[in-house]
Protein backbone atom coordinates (compact mmCIF):
# COMPACT_ATOMS: atom_id res chain seq x y z
CA MET A 1 -19.05 -10.95 15.37
CA TRP A 2 -15.24 -11.06 15.10
CA GLU A 3 -15.41 -13.71 12.35
CA ALA A 4 -17.00 -11.12 10.01
CA TYR A 5 -14.22 -8.60 10.83
CA LYS A 6 -11.52 -11.24 10.21
CA LYS A 7 -13.14 -12.22 6.91
CA GLY A 8 -13.21 -8.59 5.74
CA TYR A 9 -9.61 -8.03 6.90
CA LYS A 10 -8.47 -11.17 5.06
CA ALA A 11 -10.09 -9.99 1.81
CA TYR A 12 -8.43 -6.56 2.26
CA LEU A 13 -4.98 -8.14 2.75
CA GLN A 14 -5.40 -10.40 -0.28
CA LEU A 15 -7.00 -7.97 -2.72
CA GLU A 16 -5.79 -4.51 -1.73
CA LYS A 17 -2.42 -5.27 -0.12
CA SER A 18 -1.65 -8.20 -2.50
CA LEU A 19 0.07 -10.13 0.31
CA SER A 20 1.12 -13.77 -0.05
CA GLU A 21 -1.05 -16.48 1.51
CA ASN A 22 1.53 -17.05 4.28
CA SER A 23 1.58 -13.35 5.23
CA VAL A 24 -2.23 -13.14 5.18
CA GLU A 25 -2.52 -16.18 7.48
CA ALA A 26 0.07 -14.69 9.87
CA TYR A 27 -1.91 -11.41 10.14
CA ILE A 28 -5.19 -13.28 10.72
CA ARG A 29 -3.49 -15.40 13.44
CA ASP A 30 -2.40 -12.18 15.20
CA VAL A 31 -6.01 -10.97 15.34
CA GLY A 32 -7.00 -14.49 16.45
CA LYS A 33 -4.69 -14.16 19.47
CA LEU A 34 -6.59 -11.03 20.52
CA THR A 35 -9.99 -12.74 20.19
CA ASP A 36 -8.64 -15.74 22.20
CA TYR A 37 -7.70 -13.32 24.98
CA LEU A 38 -11.07 -11.52 24.87
CA GLN A 39 -12.95 -14.84 25.08
CA SER A 40 -10.79 -16.16 27.93
CA SER A 41 -11.38 -12.97 29.93
CA ASN A 42 -15.15 -12.88 29.08
CA GLN A 43 -14.98 -9.45 27.43
CA LEU A 44 -15.65 -10.11 23.74
CA LYS A 45 -16.10 -6.47 22.71
CA ALA A 46 -16.23 -5.11 19.15
CA PRO A 47 -13.04 -3.47 17.73
CA ASP A 48 -14.44 0.05 18.28
CA GLU A 49 -15.16 -0.70 21.97
CA LEU A 50 -11.59 -1.75 22.88
CA SER A 51 -9.42 0.79 24.70
CA LEU A 52 -5.64 1.20 24.86
CA LYS A 53 -5.72 -0.11 28.46
CA GLU A 54 -7.44 -3.34 27.37
CA LEU A 55 -4.90 -3.84 24.59
CA GLN A 56 -2.09 -3.28 27.11
CA HIS A 57 -3.62 -6.04 29.26
CA PHE A 58 -3.64 -8.26 26.13
CA VAL A 59 0.09 -7.60 25.55
CA LYS A 60 0.79 -8.46 29.20
CA TRP A 61 -1.22 -11.69 28.72
CA ILE A 62 0.78 -12.83 25.66
CA ALA A 63 4.02 -12.00 27.52
CA GLU A 64 2.90 -14.19 30.44
CA LEU A 65 2.22 -17.01 27.96
CA GLY A 66 6.00 -16.99 27.42
CA MET A 67 6.09 -15.28 24.02
CA THR A 68 9.42 -13.70 23.07
CA ALA A 69 9.79 -9.94 22.60
CA SER A 70 10.00 -10.40 18.81
CA SER A 71 6.77 -12.49 18.76
CA GLN A 72 5.01 -9.84 20.87
CA ALA A 73 6.25 -7.10 18.51
CA ARG A 74 5.00 -9.05 15.48
CA ILE A 75 1.53 -9.51 17.03
CA ILE A 76 1.32 -5.78 17.88
CA SER A 77 2.32 -4.99 14.29
CA GLY A 78 -0.46 -7.33 13.11
CA LEU A 79 -3.02 -5.54 15.31
CA ARG A 80 -1.90 -2.15 13.99
CA GLY A 81 -2.52 -3.43 10.48
CA PHE A 82 -5.97 -4.62 11.53
CA TYR A 83 -6.90 -1.26 13.05
CA LYS A 84 -5.63 0.53 9.93
CA TYR A 85 -8.16 -1.57 8.00
CA CYS A 86 -10.89 -0.78 10.59
CA LEU A 87 -10.29 2.97 10.14
CA LEU A 88 -10.46 2.66 6.33
CA GLU A 89 -13.73 0.73 6.54
CA ASN A 90 -15.21 3.07 9.21
CA ILE A 91 -15.50 0.15 11.65
CA THR A 92 -13.71 2.32 14.22
CA ALA A 93 -13.31 6.10 14.58
CA LYS A 94 -9.97 5.90 16.42
CA ASP A 95 -6.94 3.61 16.55
CA PRO A 96 -6.21 2.35 20.11
CA THR A 97 -2.98 0.66 18.91
CA SER A 98 -1.26 3.97 18.02
CA LEU A 99 0.05 4.42 21.59
CA LEU A 100 0.63 0.71 22.24
CA GLU A 101 4.28 0.23 23.18
CA VAL A 102 6.31 -2.43 21.39
CA PRO A 103 8.78 -4.39 23.55
CA LYS A 104 12.36 -3.33 22.94
CA LEU A 105 14.18 -5.79 20.70
CA LYS A 106 17.85 -6.58 20.85
CA ARG A 107 19.04 -6.42 17.28
CA ALA A 108 21.85 -8.91 16.79
CA LEU A 109 23.74 -7.91 13.68
CA PRO A 110 24.26 -10.88 11.37
CA ASP A 111 27.74 -11.79 10.20
CA VAL A 112 28.96 -9.95 7.10
CA LEU A 113 31.38 -11.36 4.55
CA SER A 114 34.08 -9.17 3.06
CA TYR A 115 34.42 -9.13 -0.74
CA GLU A 116 37.58 -11.27 -0.36
CA GLU A 117 35.70 -13.84 1.74
CA ILE A 118 32.90 -14.05 -0.85
CA GLU A 119 35.52 -14.59 -3.58
CA ASN A 120 37.17 -17.25 -1.39
CA ILE A 121 33.84 -19.10 -0.88
CA ILE A 122 32.98 -19.01 -4.61
CA SER A 123 36.50 -20.20 -5.52
CA GLN A 124 35.88 -23.45 -3.56
CA ILE A 125 33.35 -24.61 -6.20
CA ASP A 126 34.55 -27.61 -8.22
CA LEU A 127 34.01 -26.45 -11.81
CA SER A 128 34.92 -29.89 -13.22
CA LYS A 129 31.45 -31.11 -12.17
CA PRO A 130 28.34 -30.10 -14.18
CA GLU A 131 26.68 -28.66 -11.07
CA GLY A 132 29.83 -26.56 -10.47
CA GLY A 133 29.01 -24.15 -13.29
CA ARG A 134 25.43 -23.86 -12.05
CA ASN A 135 26.51 -23.28 -8.43
CA LYS A 136 28.97 -20.57 -9.47
CA ALA A 137 26.23 -18.81 -11.47
CA ILE A 138 23.88 -19.04 -8.45
CA LEU A 139 26.32 -17.51 -5.93
CA GLU A 140 27.52 -14.81 -8.34
CA THR A 141 23.87 -13.85 -8.96
CA MET A 142 22.98 -13.85 -5.24
CA TYR A 143 25.85 -11.51 -4.37
CA SER A 144 25.57 -9.35 -7.51
CA CYS A 145 21.82 -8.72 -7.04
CA GLY A 146 21.27 -9.17 -3.27
CA LEU A 147 18.61 -11.81 -3.83
CA ARG A 148 16.67 -13.75 -1.22
CA VAL A 149 17.21 -17.52 -1.52
CA SER A 150 13.56 -17.97 -2.61
CA GLU A 151 14.08 -15.37 -5.35
CA VAL A 152 17.14 -17.11 -6.80
CA VAL A 153 15.55 -20.60 -6.88
CA ASN A 154 12.45 -19.15 -8.60
CA LEU A 155 14.39 -16.99 -11.10
CA ARG A 156 13.01 -17.42 -14.63
CA ILE A 157 14.73 -17.25 -18.01
CA SER A 158 11.95 -14.93 -19.22
CA CYS A 159 12.96 -12.50 -16.41
CA LEU A 160 16.56 -12.14 -17.65
CA TYR A 161 17.47 -9.03 -19.62
CA LEU A 162 21.19 -9.74 -19.65
CA ASP A 163 21.87 -7.67 -22.79
CA VAL A 164 20.88 -4.53 -20.86
CA GLY A 165 22.22 -5.74 -17.49
CA PHE A 166 18.95 -6.24 -15.56
CA ILE A 167 16.88 -9.08 -14.13
CA ARG A 168 13.22 -9.01 -13.08
CA VAL A 169 12.77 -10.44 -9.59
CA ILE A 170 9.51 -11.65 -8.06
CA GLY A 171 9.83 -10.97 -4.33
CA LYS A 172 7.65 -11.15 -1.22
CA GLY A 173 3.92 -10.81 -1.84
CA ASP A 174 4.55 -11.39 -5.58
CA LYS A 175 5.93 -7.84 -5.87
CA GLU A 176 8.19 -7.41 -8.91
CA ARG A 177 11.32 -5.30 -9.13
CA LEU A 178 14.05 -4.70 -11.70
CA VAL A 179 17.56 -5.24 -10.33
CA PRO A 180 20.85 -4.44 -12.09
CA ILE A 181 23.13 -7.48 -12.55
CA GLY A 182 26.94 -7.36 -12.70
CA SER A 183 29.08 -8.59 -15.60
CA ASP A 184 30.54 -11.57 -13.64
CA ALA A 185 27.06 -12.90 -12.85
CA VAL A 186 25.95 -12.33 -16.48
CA LYS A 187 29.01 -14.24 -17.72
CA HIS A 188 28.41 -17.26 -15.44
CA ILE A 189 24.65 -17.38 -16.10
CA THR A 190 25.40 -17.41 -19.85
CA ILE A 191 28.02 -20.19 -19.49
CA TYR A 192 25.60 -22.28 -17.38
CA LYS A 193 22.62 -21.67 -19.68
CA ASP A 194 24.47 -22.31 -22.97
CA ASN A 195 26.86 -25.12 -21.96
CA ILE A 196 25.24 -27.03 -19.08
CA ARG A 197 21.52 -26.40 -18.81
CA ASN A 198 20.82 -26.97 -22.53
CA HIS A 199 22.14 -30.56 -22.20
CA GLN A 200 19.67 -31.38 -19.40
CA GLU A 201 16.38 -33.19 -19.65
CA ILE A 202 13.85 -30.73 -18.27
CA LYS A 203 10.66 -31.90 -16.57
CA PRO A 204 7.45 -30.37 -18.00
CA GLY A 205 6.51 -27.16 -16.20
CA ASN A 206 10.15 -26.24 -15.45
CA GLU A 207 11.16 -25.00 -18.92
CA ASP A 208 11.34 -21.35 -17.79
CA ILE A 209 13.11 -22.01 -14.45
CA LEU A 210 16.75 -20.91 -14.76
CA PHE A 211 18.53 -23.03 -12.13
CA LEU A 212 17.63 -26.74 -12.25
CA ASN A 213 18.60 -29.78 -10.19
CA ARG A 214 19.76 -33.09 -11.73
CA ARG A 215 16.15 -34.19 -12.18
CA GLY A 216 15.41 -31.13 -14.31
CA THR A 217 13.22 -29.43 -11.71
CA LEU A 218 13.31 -26.46 -9.33
CA LEU A 219 16.10 -26.40 -6.73
CA SER A 220 15.17 -26.41 -3.03
CA ARG A 221 16.16 -23.59 -0.69
CA VAL A 222 17.74 -26.20 1.62
CA MET A 223 20.10 -27.25 -1.20
CA ILE A 224 21.42 -23.66 -1.49
CA PHE A 225 21.80 -23.48 2.31
CA LEU A 226 23.81 -26.77 2.41
CA LEU A 227 25.95 -25.69 -0.57
CA ILE A 228 26.96 -22.42 1.14
CA LYS A 229 27.67 -24.20 4.45
CA GLU A 230 29.93 -26.73 2.67
CA LEU A 231 31.84 -24.06 0.69
CA THR A 232 32.29 -21.86 3.80
CA LEU A 233 33.77 -24.83 5.65
CA LYS A 234 36.16 -25.53 2.75
CA ALA A 235 37.19 -21.86 2.69
CA GLY A 236 38.07 -22.06 6.40
CA ILE A 237 35.72 -19.21 7.33
CA LYS A 238 34.46 -19.50 10.91
CA LYS A 239 31.52 -17.07 10.63
CA ASN A 240 27.89 -18.20 10.86
CA ILE A 241 27.01 -18.09 7.15
CA SER A 242 23.70 -18.73 5.39
CA PRO A 243 22.31 -17.73 1.96
CA HIS A 244 20.95 -14.55 3.60
CA THR A 245 24.54 -13.53 4.49
CA PHE A 246 25.18 -12.92 0.77
CA ARG A 247 22.18 -10.55 0.64
CA HIS A 248 23.21 -8.78 3.85
CA SER A 249 26.81 -8.44 2.60
CA PHE A 250 25.55 -7.03 -0.74
CA ALA A 251 23.63 -4.27 1.13
CA THR A 252 26.46 -3.56 3.59
CA HIS A 253 29.09 -3.23 0.81
CA LEU A 254 26.82 -0.85 -1.11
CA VAL A 255 26.18 1.44 1.87
CA GLU A 256 29.82 1.41 2.96
CA GLY A 257 30.71 2.40 -0.60
CA GLY A 258 28.42 5.43 -0.31
CA ALA A 259 25.23 4.17 -1.98
CA ASP A 260 21.98 6.00 -1.29
CA LEU A 261 19.80 4.11 1.21
CA ARG A 262 16.69 4.55 -0.98
CA ALA A 263 18.49 2.91 -3.92
CA VAL A 264 19.50 -0.01 -1.67
CA GLN A 265 15.89 -0.28 -0.45
CA GLU A 266 14.69 -0.47 -4.07
CA MET A 267 17.24 -3.16 -5.00
CA LEU A 268 16.47 -5.28 -1.93
CA GLY A 269 12.72 -4.94 -2.48
CA HIS A 270 12.01 -3.66 1.05
CA GLU A 271 8.60 -2.08 1.55
CA SER A 272 9.91 0.11 4.39
CA ILE A 273 13.19 2.05 4.60
CA THR A 274 13.47 1.03 8.29
CA THR A 275 13.97 -2.59 7.19
CA THR A 276 16.85 -1.46 4.96
CA GLU A 277 18.42 0.41 7.88
CA ILE A 278 18.43 -2.83 9.89
CA TYR A 279 20.14 -4.70 7.06
CA THR A 280 22.87 -2.15 6.50
CA HIS A 281 25.27 -2.23 9.40
CA LEU A 282 28.05 0.30 9.26
CA ASP A 283 31.29 0.32 11.15
CA ARG A 284 32.06 3.31 13.36
CA GLU A 285 35.03 4.39 11.28
CA TYR A 286 32.82 4.69 8.18
CA LEU A 287 30.31 6.84 10.12
CA ARG A 288 33.13 9.04 11.42
CA ARG A 289 34.56 9.54 7.90
CA THR A 290 31.08 10.40 6.60
CA LEU A 291 30.58 13.04 9.32
CA GLU A 292 34.03 14.56 8.71
CA LYS A 293 33.31 14.79 5.00
CA TYR A 294 29.71 16.09 5.03
CA HIS A 295 28.96 17.74 8.39
CA PRO A 296 30.14 21.38 8.55
CA GLY A 297 30.12 21.46 12.35
CA PHE A 298 31.98 18.17 12.91
CA LYS A 299 35.69 18.57 13.68
């Protein structure tokens, strides 16, 4: 019975939501956890027969299995997605997950780099080596555009519109977005492309990939991670830095400079504005200045 529901849900996620294979599998696993619970407790009911109370017992069960609060929250989110599908397909008349409480998550704010620290990290690159020019172009692009590490390693030459100051980025779930690119990043991409990359032997199938390794193929995400770790160490910065720190810093600097949250959401490629709010951490002083400037009743 549930296999037919899962099959229909999977097709909906792939065809209507256009999610990546990894995301689809994660959502199906979440529903699988619920069916595991129903089987183990000998109450394999159909989706429209399950009540809020039974789902609360399921959440208690996964908590007792030792799942973290964030894993529990992700599974509940997966079930909400499933019931949204059930409502659309008239499998159920009501959504029992709407009142299901999500465990409270402690949001640890990631480290943010100041503009000076980013400049310091980039200045540690040895430009006398051929990979130096490439690495500088990579980091300038990551900070200028707020890219995910997967987006920068998959960036294509055919997606560059440098003459008008934009790049086309293929993000999560193969969703495309146009992102403005700064003049420094444009300059270093052009130097790399015209003076370094064009002297490389490129393996068939990688002709359109912008950033290449020594073998003329796609760079790995691990390589970018190790590069940033090494440069941070050289710069003497003690913060916990990863490629994602560049993206988080990009968003934080924009919001602290007064950028509209919707514009930041668009540039980061977030489906939900709440995700953008998590990524943009603001210091108290900035919030105070904003209130003083814009709130008529704030003294």
